[in-house]
Amino acid sequence: MALEERRAWIAGVVAVLGYAGYLLAVLLPESGRPIAERPYAAALLWSIGAAVVVSVALSAAAALVRPEEGAVKDLRDRQINRFGEHVGQSFVVIGALAALLLALAEAAPFWIANVVYLAFVLSAVLGAMAKIGAYRQGLPQW
């Protein structure tokens, strides 16, 4: 497995686990309060920060396991990375539009923040899946 494919796996798995941890932190403790009134900001920031740190640490560890693989990034790796980033960015756009609509509808900040966070997670997961698929099946021919 190429280093870039391992990094895609790391990004996808860490995004899912970080979001799952966030959901558990927000949904479980205070089941009596309405969801939009629960404290979420600290859990959101901690889960994003932890996901970034864990992802960087695991990517660095993956590069240290086989340092010779990390030295060479060929044209195929760059094309797959670009393809995955393009696919993943679609959810960033969808999330931004959803957040804009929620802001215009004067929704609670809880919902706006959560739509943006979900869009980032879906972007990371979809981008990682596209990269992994491209490594396994090849890039799509247009």
N, C-alpha and C. Protein backbone atom coordinates (compact mmCIF):
# COMPACT_ATOMS: atom_id res chain seq x y z
N MET A 1 0.85 -1.17 0.00
CA MET A 1 0.00 0.00 0.00
C MET A 1 0.90 1.24 0.00
N ALA A 2 0.62 2.15 -0.89
CA ALA A 2 1.41 3.38 -1.01
C ALA A 2 1.17 4.28 0.21
N LEU A 3 2.15 5.11 0.51
CA LEU A 3 2.05 6.02 1.65
C LEU A 3 0.85 6.94 1.51
N GLU A 4 0.61 7.45 0.32
CA GLU A 4 -0.53 8.35 0.12
C GLU A 4 -1.86 7.64 0.33
N GLU A 5 -1.93 6.37 -0.02
CA GLU A 5 -3.15 5.61 0.23
C GLU A 5 -3.34 5.41 1.74
N ARG A 6 -2.25 5.13 2.46
CA ARG A 6 -2.33 5.02 3.92
C ARG A 6 -2.79 6.33 4.54
N ARG A 7 -2.29 7.44 4.02
CA ARG A 7 -2.71 8.75 4.54
C ARG A 7 -4.19 8.99 4.27
N ALA A 8 -4.69 8.53 3.14
CA ALA A 8 -6.12 8.67 2.86
C ALA A 8 -6.94 7.84 3.85
N TRP A 9 -6.50 6.62 4.15
CA TRP A 9 -7.17 5.80 5.15
C TRP A 9 -7.18 6.50 6.50
N ILE A 10 -6.03 7.04 6.87
CA ILE A 10 -5.92 7.73 8.15
C ILE A 10 -6.89 8.90 8.21
N ALA A 11 -6.92 9.72 7.16
CA ALA A 11 -7.80 10.90 7.14
C ALA A 11 -9.26 10.49 7.26
N GLY A 12 -9.67 9.48 6.53
CA GLY A 12 -11.07 9.04 6.56
C GLY A 12 -11.47 8.47 7.91
N VAL A 13 -10.64 7.59 8.46
CA VAL A 13 -10.97 6.95 9.73
C VAL A 13 -10.95 7.96 10.87
N VAL A 14 -9.95 8.83 10.90
CA VAL A 14 -9.87 9.83 11.96
C VAL A 14 -11.06 10.80 11.89
N ALA A 15 -11.48 11.17 10.69
CA ALA A 15 -12.63 12.07 10.56
C ALA A 15 -13.89 11.42 11.12
N VAL A 16 -14.11 10.16 10.81
CA VAL A 16 -15.30 9.46 11.30
C VAL A 16 -15.24 9.30 12.82
N LEU A 17 -14.09 8.88 13.34
CA LEU A 17 -13.98 8.69 14.79
C LEU A 17 -14.08 10.00 15.56
N GLY A 18 -13.49 11.05 15.03
CA GLY A 18 -13.59 12.36 15.67
C GLY A 18 -15.01 12.86 15.72
N TYR A 19 -15.74 12.69 14.63
CA TYR A 19 -17.14 13.13 14.59
C TYR A 19 -18.00 12.27 15.51
N ALA A 20 -17.73 10.97 15.54
CA ALA A 20 -18.49 10.09 16.44
C ALA A 20 -18.25 10.50 17.90
N GLY A 21 -17.01 10.81 18.23
CA GLY A 21 -16.72 11.27 19.58
C GLY A 21 -17.44 12.57 19.91
N TYR A 22 -17.49 13.47 18.95
CA TYR A 22 -18.21 14.73 19.14
C TYR A 22 -19.69 14.47 19.38
N LEU A 23 -20.30 13.63 18.57
CA LEU A 23 -21.72 13.33 18.73
C LEU A 23 -22.00 12.71 20.10
N LEU A 24 -21.14 11.81 20.53
CA LEU A 24 -21.33 11.21 21.85
C LEU A 24 -21.21 12.25 22.95
N ALA A 25 -20.27 13.16 22.80
CA ALA A 25 -20.07 14.19 23.83
C ALA A 25 -21.24 15.16 23.91
N VAL A 26 -21.90 15.39 22.78
CA VAL A 26 -23.01 16.36 22.76
C VAL A 26 -24.35 15.69 23.05
N LEU A 27 -24.56 14.51 22.54
CA LEU A 27 -25.88 13.89 22.64
C LEU A 27 -26.11 13.13 23.94
N LEU A 28 -25.10 12.52 24.50
CA LEU A 28 -25.33 11.65 25.67
C LEU A 28 -25.51 12.37 27.00
N PRO A 29 -24.68 13.34 27.36
CA PRO A 29 -24.72 13.81 28.75
C PRO A 29 -26.04 14.43 29.20
N GLU A 30 -26.69 15.19 28.38
CA GLU A 30 -27.86 15.95 28.82
C GLU A 30 -29.07 15.63 27.96
N SER A 31 -29.61 14.48 28.16
CA SER A 31 -30.71 14.07 27.30
C SER A 31 -32.01 14.82 27.59
N GLY A 32 -32.10 15.55 28.72
CA GLY A 32 -33.31 16.27 29.05
C GLY A 32 -33.45 17.62 28.37
N ARG A 33 -32.34 18.23 27.97
CA ARG A 33 -32.38 19.55 27.34
C ARG A 33 -32.63 19.41 25.84
N PRO A 34 -33.29 20.40 25.25
CA PRO A 34 -33.40 20.40 23.78
C PRO A 34 -32.00 20.42 23.15
N ILE A 35 -31.87 19.75 22.06
CA ILE A 35 -30.53 19.58 21.46
C ILE A 35 -29.88 20.91 21.08
N ALA A 36 -30.64 21.86 20.61
CA ALA A 36 -30.07 23.13 20.19
C ALA A 36 -29.62 23.99 21.36
N GLU A 37 -30.00 23.63 22.58
CA GLU A 37 -29.62 24.40 23.76
C GLU A 37 -28.47 23.77 24.54
N ARG A 38 -27.96 22.65 24.06
CA ARG A 38 -26.87 21.97 24.76
C ARG A 38 -25.54 22.66 24.45
N PRO A 39 -24.62 22.63 25.39
CA PRO A 39 -23.29 23.18 25.11
C PRO A 39 -22.57 22.27 24.10
N TYR A 40 -22.06 22.87 23.07
CA TYR A 40 -21.43 22.09 22.01
C TYR A 40 -20.08 22.64 21.57
N ALA A 41 -19.83 23.92 21.82
CA ALA A 41 -18.66 24.57 21.25
C ALA A 41 -17.36 23.93 21.72
N ALA A 42 -17.22 23.65 22.98
CA ALA A 42 -15.98 23.05 23.48
C ALA A 42 -15.77 21.67 22.89
N ALA A 43 -16.84 20.87 22.86
CA ALA A 43 -16.71 19.52 22.28
C ALA A 43 -16.36 19.59 20.81
N LEU A 44 -16.95 20.53 20.09
CA LEU A 44 -16.66 20.68 18.67
C LEU A 44 -15.20 21.07 18.46
N LEU A 45 -14.73 22.06 19.20
CA LEU A 45 -13.34 22.50 19.05
C LEU A 45 -12.34 21.43 19.47
N TRP A 46 -12.63 20.72 20.56
CA TRP A 46 -11.74 19.66 21.00
C TRP A 46 -11.71 18.51 20.00
N SER A 47 -12.85 18.15 19.44
CA SER A 47 -12.86 17.03 18.49
C SER A 47 -12.13 17.40 17.20
N ILE A 48 -12.28 18.63 16.74
CA ILE A 48 -11.55 19.06 15.55
C ILE A 48 -10.05 19.10 15.83
N GLY A 49 -9.68 19.70 16.96
CA GLY A 49 -8.26 19.77 17.31
C GLY A 49 -7.64 18.41 17.48
N ALA A 50 -8.34 17.52 18.18
CA ALA A 50 -7.83 16.16 18.38
C ALA A 50 -7.70 15.42 17.06
N ALA A 51 -8.67 15.58 16.18
CA ALA A 51 -8.61 14.91 14.88
C ALA A 51 -7.42 15.39 14.07
N VAL A 52 -7.15 16.68 14.10
CA VAL A 52 -5.99 17.22 13.38
C VAL A 52 -4.70 16.66 13.95
N VAL A 53 -4.56 16.69 15.27
CA VAL A 53 -3.33 16.21 15.91
C VAL A 53 -3.13 14.72 15.66
N VAL A 54 -4.18 13.93 15.83
CA VAL A 54 -4.07 12.49 15.61
C VAL A 54 -3.76 12.18 14.15
N SER A 55 -4.41 12.88 13.25
CA SER A 55 -4.16 12.65 11.83
C SER A 55 -2.71 12.97 11.44
N VAL A 56 -2.21 14.09 11.92
CA VAL A 56 -0.81 14.46 11.63
C VAL A 56 0.14 13.45 12.25
N ALA A 57 -0.11 13.06 13.49
CA ALA A 57 0.77 12.10 14.17
C ALA A 57 0.77 10.75 13.46
N LEU A 58 -0.40 10.26 13.08
CA LEU A 58 -0.47 8.98 12.39
C LEU A 58 0.14 9.04 11.00
N SER A 59 -0.05 10.15 10.31
CA SER A 59 0.57 10.31 8.98
C SER A 59 2.09 10.33 9.09
N ALA A 60 2.60 11.02 10.11
CA ALA A 60 4.05 11.05 10.34
C ALA A 60 4.56 9.66 10.69
N ALA A 61 3.81 8.95 11.53
CA ALA A 61 4.22 7.59 11.89
C ALA A 61 4.20 6.67 10.68
N ALA A 62 3.21 6.83 9.82
CA ALA A 62 3.14 6.01 8.61
C ALA A 62 4.32 6.30 7.69
N ALA A 63 4.75 7.56 7.65
CA ALA A 63 5.90 7.92 6.81
C ALA A 63 7.20 7.38 7.41
N LEU A 64 7.27 7.29 8.73
CA LEU A 64 8.48 6.78 9.38
C LEU A 64 8.64 5.27 9.22
N VAL A 65 7.52 4.56 9.05
CA VAL A 65 7.59 3.11 8.91
C VAL A 65 8.38 2.73 7.66
N ARG A 66 8.12 3.42 6.58
CA ARG A 66 8.84 3.16 5.31
C ARG A 66 9.24 4.51 4.72
N PRO A 67 10.33 5.08 5.19
CA PRO A 67 10.72 6.42 4.74
C PRO A 67 11.03 6.50 3.24
N GLU A 68 11.41 5.39 2.64
CA GLU A 68 11.73 5.42 1.21
C GLU A 68 10.49 5.68 0.34
N GLU A 69 9.32 5.29 0.82
CA GLU A 69 8.09 5.53 0.06
C GLU A 69 7.69 7.00 0.06
N GLY A 70 7.95 7.68 1.15
CA GLY A 70 7.55 9.07 1.27
C GLY A 70 8.39 10.03 0.46
N ALA A 71 9.57 9.59 0.07
CA ALA A 71 10.48 10.47 -0.67
C ALA A 71 10.02 10.71 -2.10
N VAL A 72 9.32 9.74 -2.66
CA VAL A 72 8.92 9.85 -4.06
C VAL A 72 7.40 9.94 -4.16
N LYS A 73 6.95 11.02 -4.77
CA LYS A 73 5.53 11.21 -5.04
C LYS A 73 5.42 11.41 -6.55
N ASP A 74 4.93 10.38 -7.23
CA ASP A 74 4.92 10.44 -8.69
C ASP A 74 3.67 11.12 -9.24
N LEU A 75 3.58 11.16 -10.55
CA LEU A 75 2.47 11.82 -11.23
C LEU A 75 1.13 11.18 -10.85
N ARG A 76 1.11 9.87 -10.75
CA ARG A 76 -0.14 9.18 -10.39
C ARG A 76 -0.61 9.60 -9.00
N ASP A 77 0.31 9.68 -8.03
CA ASP A 77 -0.05 10.13 -6.69
C ASP A 77 -0.63 11.53 -6.72
N ARG A 78 -0.02 12.41 -7.48
CA ARG A 78 -0.53 13.79 -7.56
C ARG A 78 -1.90 13.84 -8.22
N GLN A 79 -2.10 13.04 -9.26
CA GLN A 79 -3.40 13.01 -9.92
C GLN A 79 -4.48 12.45 -9.00
N ILE A 80 -4.16 11.40 -8.27
CA ILE A 80 -5.12 10.81 -7.34
C ILE A 80 -5.44 11.80 -6.22
N ASN A 81 -4.42 12.48 -5.71
CA ASN A 81 -4.66 13.47 -4.66
C ASN A 81 -5.57 14.59 -5.17
N ARG A 82 -5.29 15.08 -6.36
CA ARG A 82 -6.12 16.15 -6.94
C ARG A 82 -7.55 15.67 -7.14
N PHE A 83 -7.71 14.45 -7.65
CA PHE A 83 -9.03 13.87 -7.87
C PHE A 83 -9.80 13.77 -6.55
N GLY A 84 -9.16 13.23 -5.51
CA GLY A 84 -9.81 13.08 -4.22
C GLY A 84 -10.19 14.42 -3.60
N GLU A 85 -9.31 15.42 -3.73
CA GLU A 85 -9.61 16.74 -3.19
C GLU A 85 -10.78 17.37 -3.93
N HIS A 86 -10.84 17.21 -5.24
CA HIS A 86 -11.96 17.76 -6.01
C HIS A 86 -13.28 17.10 -5.61
N VAL A 87 -13.26 15.80 -5.44
CA VAL A 87 -14.47 15.09 -5.04
C VAL A 87 -14.90 15.53 -3.65
N GLY A 88 -13.97 15.60 -2.73
CA GLY A 88 -14.29 15.98 -1.36
C GLY A 88 -14.78 17.40 -1.21
N GLN A 89 -14.27 18.31 -2.03
CA GLN A 89 -14.65 19.71 -1.91
C GLN A 89 -16.12 19.96 -2.22
N SER A 90 -16.77 19.04 -2.89
CA SER A 90 -18.19 19.22 -3.18
C SER A 90 -18.99 19.35 -1.88
N PHE A 91 -18.61 18.61 -0.86
CA PHE A 91 -19.34 18.70 0.40
C PHE A 91 -19.03 19.97 1.16
N VAL A 92 -17.88 20.55 0.95
CA VAL A 92 -17.60 21.85 1.56
C VAL A 92 -18.55 22.90 0.98
N VAL A 93 -18.74 22.85 -0.32
CA VAL A 93 -19.66 23.79 -0.98
C VAL A 93 -21.09 23.55 -0.51
N ILE A 94 -21.50 22.29 -0.46
CA ILE A 94 -22.86 21.97 0.00
C ILE A 94 -23.05 22.44 1.44
N GLY A 95 -22.06 22.22 2.29
CA GLY A 95 -22.15 22.65 3.68
C GLY A 95 -22.21 24.16 3.82
N ALA A 96 -21.43 24.86 3.00
CA ALA A 96 -21.45 26.33 3.05
C ALA A 96 -22.82 26.85 2.62
N LEU A 97 -23.38 26.27 1.59
CA LEU A 97 -24.72 26.69 1.15
C LEU A 97 -25.78 26.38 2.21
N ALA A 98 -25.67 25.21 2.83
CA ALA A 98 -26.63 24.85 3.88
C ALA A 98 -26.50 25.80 5.06
N ALA A 99 -25.26 26.13 5.46
CA ALA A 99 -25.05 27.06 6.56
C ALA A 99 -25.59 28.45 6.22
N LEU A 100 -25.39 28.87 4.98
CA LEU A 100 -25.91 30.16 4.54
C LEU A 100 -27.44 30.18 4.63
N LEU A 101 -28.07 29.13 4.17
CA LEU A 101 -29.54 29.05 4.24
C LEU A 101 -30.02 29.03 5.69
N LEU A 102 -29.32 28.31 6.53
CA LEU A 102 -29.70 28.29 7.95
C LEU A 102 -29.52 29.66 8.58
N ALA A 103 -28.45 30.35 8.24
CA ALA A 103 -28.24 31.70 8.78
C ALA A 103 -29.33 32.66 8.30
N LEU A 104 -29.69 32.56 7.03
CA LEU A 104 -30.76 33.41 6.50
C LEU A 104 -32.11 33.10 7.15
N ALA A 105 -32.29 31.84 7.53
CA ALA A 105 -33.53 31.45 8.21
C ALA A 105 -33.46 31.73 9.71
N GLU A 106 -32.35 32.32 10.14
CA GLU A 106 -32.12 32.67 11.54
C GLU A 106 -32.21 31.45 12.46
N ALA A 107 -31.60 30.36 12.01
CA ALA A 107 -31.53 29.15 12.83
C ALA A 107 -30.56 29.37 13.98
N ALA A 108 -30.66 28.52 14.97
CA ALA A 108 -29.77 28.60 16.13
C ALA A 108 -28.33 28.34 15.69
N PRO A 109 -27.37 29.01 16.31
CA PRO A 109 -25.96 28.79 15.97
C PRO A 109 -25.54 27.32 16.06
N PHE A 110 -26.18 26.57 16.95
CA PHE A 110 -25.89 25.14 17.08
C PHE A 110 -26.04 24.43 15.74
N TRP A 111 -27.13 24.69 15.05
CA TRP A 111 -27.40 24.01 13.79
C TRP A 111 -26.44 24.46 12.69
N ILE A 112 -26.12 25.73 12.67
CA ILE A 112 -25.19 26.23 11.65
C ILE A 112 -23.81 25.61 11.84
N ALA A 113 -23.33 25.62 13.08
CA ALA A 113 -22.01 25.05 13.36
C ALA A 113 -21.98 23.56 13.04
N ASN A 114 -23.05 22.86 13.37
CA ASN A 114 -23.07 21.43 13.13
C ASN A 114 -23.17 21.07 11.65
N VAL A 115 -23.85 21.88 10.89
CA VAL A 115 -23.91 21.64 9.44
C VAL A 115 -22.52 21.84 8.82
N VAL A 116 -21.83 22.87 9.25
CA VAL A 116 -20.48 23.12 8.73
C VAL A 116 -19.55 21.97 9.13
N TYR A 117 -19.60 21.55 10.39
CA TYR A 117 -18.73 20.46 10.84
C TYR A 117 -19.04 19.17 10.09
N LEU A 118 -20.31 18.85 9.94
CA LEU A 118 -20.69 17.65 9.20
C LEU A 118 -20.20 17.73 7.75
N ALA A 119 -20.28 18.90 7.15
CA ALA A 119 -19.80 19.05 5.78
C ALA A 119 -18.29 18.80 5.69
N PHE A 120 -17.54 19.29 6.68
CA PHE A 120 -16.10 19.04 6.68
C PHE A 120 -15.80 17.55 6.85
N VAL A 121 -16.55 16.89 7.72
CA VAL A 121 -16.33 15.46 7.93
C VAL A 121 -16.68 14.68 6.66
N LEU A 122 -17.81 14.99 6.06
CA LEU A 122 -18.20 14.30 4.83
C LEU A 122 -17.21 14.58 3.71
N SER A 123 -16.68 15.79 3.67
CA SER A 123 -15.66 16.13 2.67
C SER A 123 -14.42 15.27 2.86
N ALA A 124 -13.97 15.13 4.10
CA ALA A 124 -12.78 14.32 4.38
C ALA A 124 -13.02 12.85 4.05
N VAL A 125 -14.17 12.34 4.44
CA VAL A 125 -14.48 10.93 4.20
C VAL A 125 -14.66 10.65 2.71
N LEU A 126 -15.42 11.49 2.04
CA LEU A 126 -15.65 11.27 0.60
C LEU A 126 -14.35 11.43 -0.19
N GLY A 127 -13.55 12.43 0.16
CA GLY A 127 -12.25 12.60 -0.50
C GLY A 127 -11.34 11.42 -0.27
N ALA A 128 -11.32 10.90 0.96
CA ALA A 128 -10.49 9.73 1.27
C ALA A 128 -10.98 8.51 0.51
N MET A 129 -12.31 8.33 0.45
CA MET A 129 -12.86 7.19 -0.29
C MET A 129 -12.53 7.28 -1.77
N ALA A 130 -12.58 8.49 -2.33
CA ALA A 130 -12.25 8.66 -3.74
C ALA A 130 -10.78 8.33 -3.99
N LYS A 131 -9.90 8.76 -3.09
CA LYS A 131 -8.48 8.47 -3.25
C LYS A 131 -8.21 6.97 -3.13
N ILE A 132 -8.80 6.35 -2.12
CA ILE A 132 -8.60 4.91 -1.94
C ILE A 132 -9.13 4.14 -3.15
N GLY A 133 -10.31 4.53 -3.61
CA GLY A 133 -10.86 3.89 -4.81
C GLY A 133 -9.98 4.07 -6.02
N ALA A 134 -9.40 5.26 -6.17
CA ALA A 134 -8.51 5.51 -7.30
C ALA A 134 -7.23 4.69 -7.19
N TYR A 135 -6.73 4.50 -5.98
CA TYR A 135 -5.55 3.65 -5.82
C TYR A 135 -5.87 2.20 -6.11
N ARG A 136 -7.06 1.76 -5.73
CA ARG A 136 -7.43 0.36 -5.92
C ARG A 136 -7.93 0.06 -7.32
N GLN A 137 -8.75 0.96 -7.90
CA GLN A 137 -9.39 0.69 -9.19
C GLN A 137 -8.83 1.52 -10.34
N GLY A 138 -8.05 2.53 -10.02
CA GLY A 138 -7.54 3.43 -11.05
C GLY A 138 -8.41 4.67 -11.15
N LEU A 139 -7.83 5.68 -11.75
CA LEU A 139 -8.57 6.93 -11.94
C LEU A 139 -9.66 6.75 -12.99
N PRO A 140 -10.80 7.41 -12.81
CA PRO A 140 -11.84 7.29 -13.84
C PRO A 140 -11.39 7.93 -15.14
N GLN A 141 -11.79 7.35 -16.22
CA GLN A 141 -11.46 7.87 -17.55
C GLN A 141 -12.63 8.73 -18.02
N TRP A 142 -12.39 9.98 -18.26
CA TRP A 142 -13.46 10.90 -18.65
C TRP A 142 -13.63 10.89 -20.13
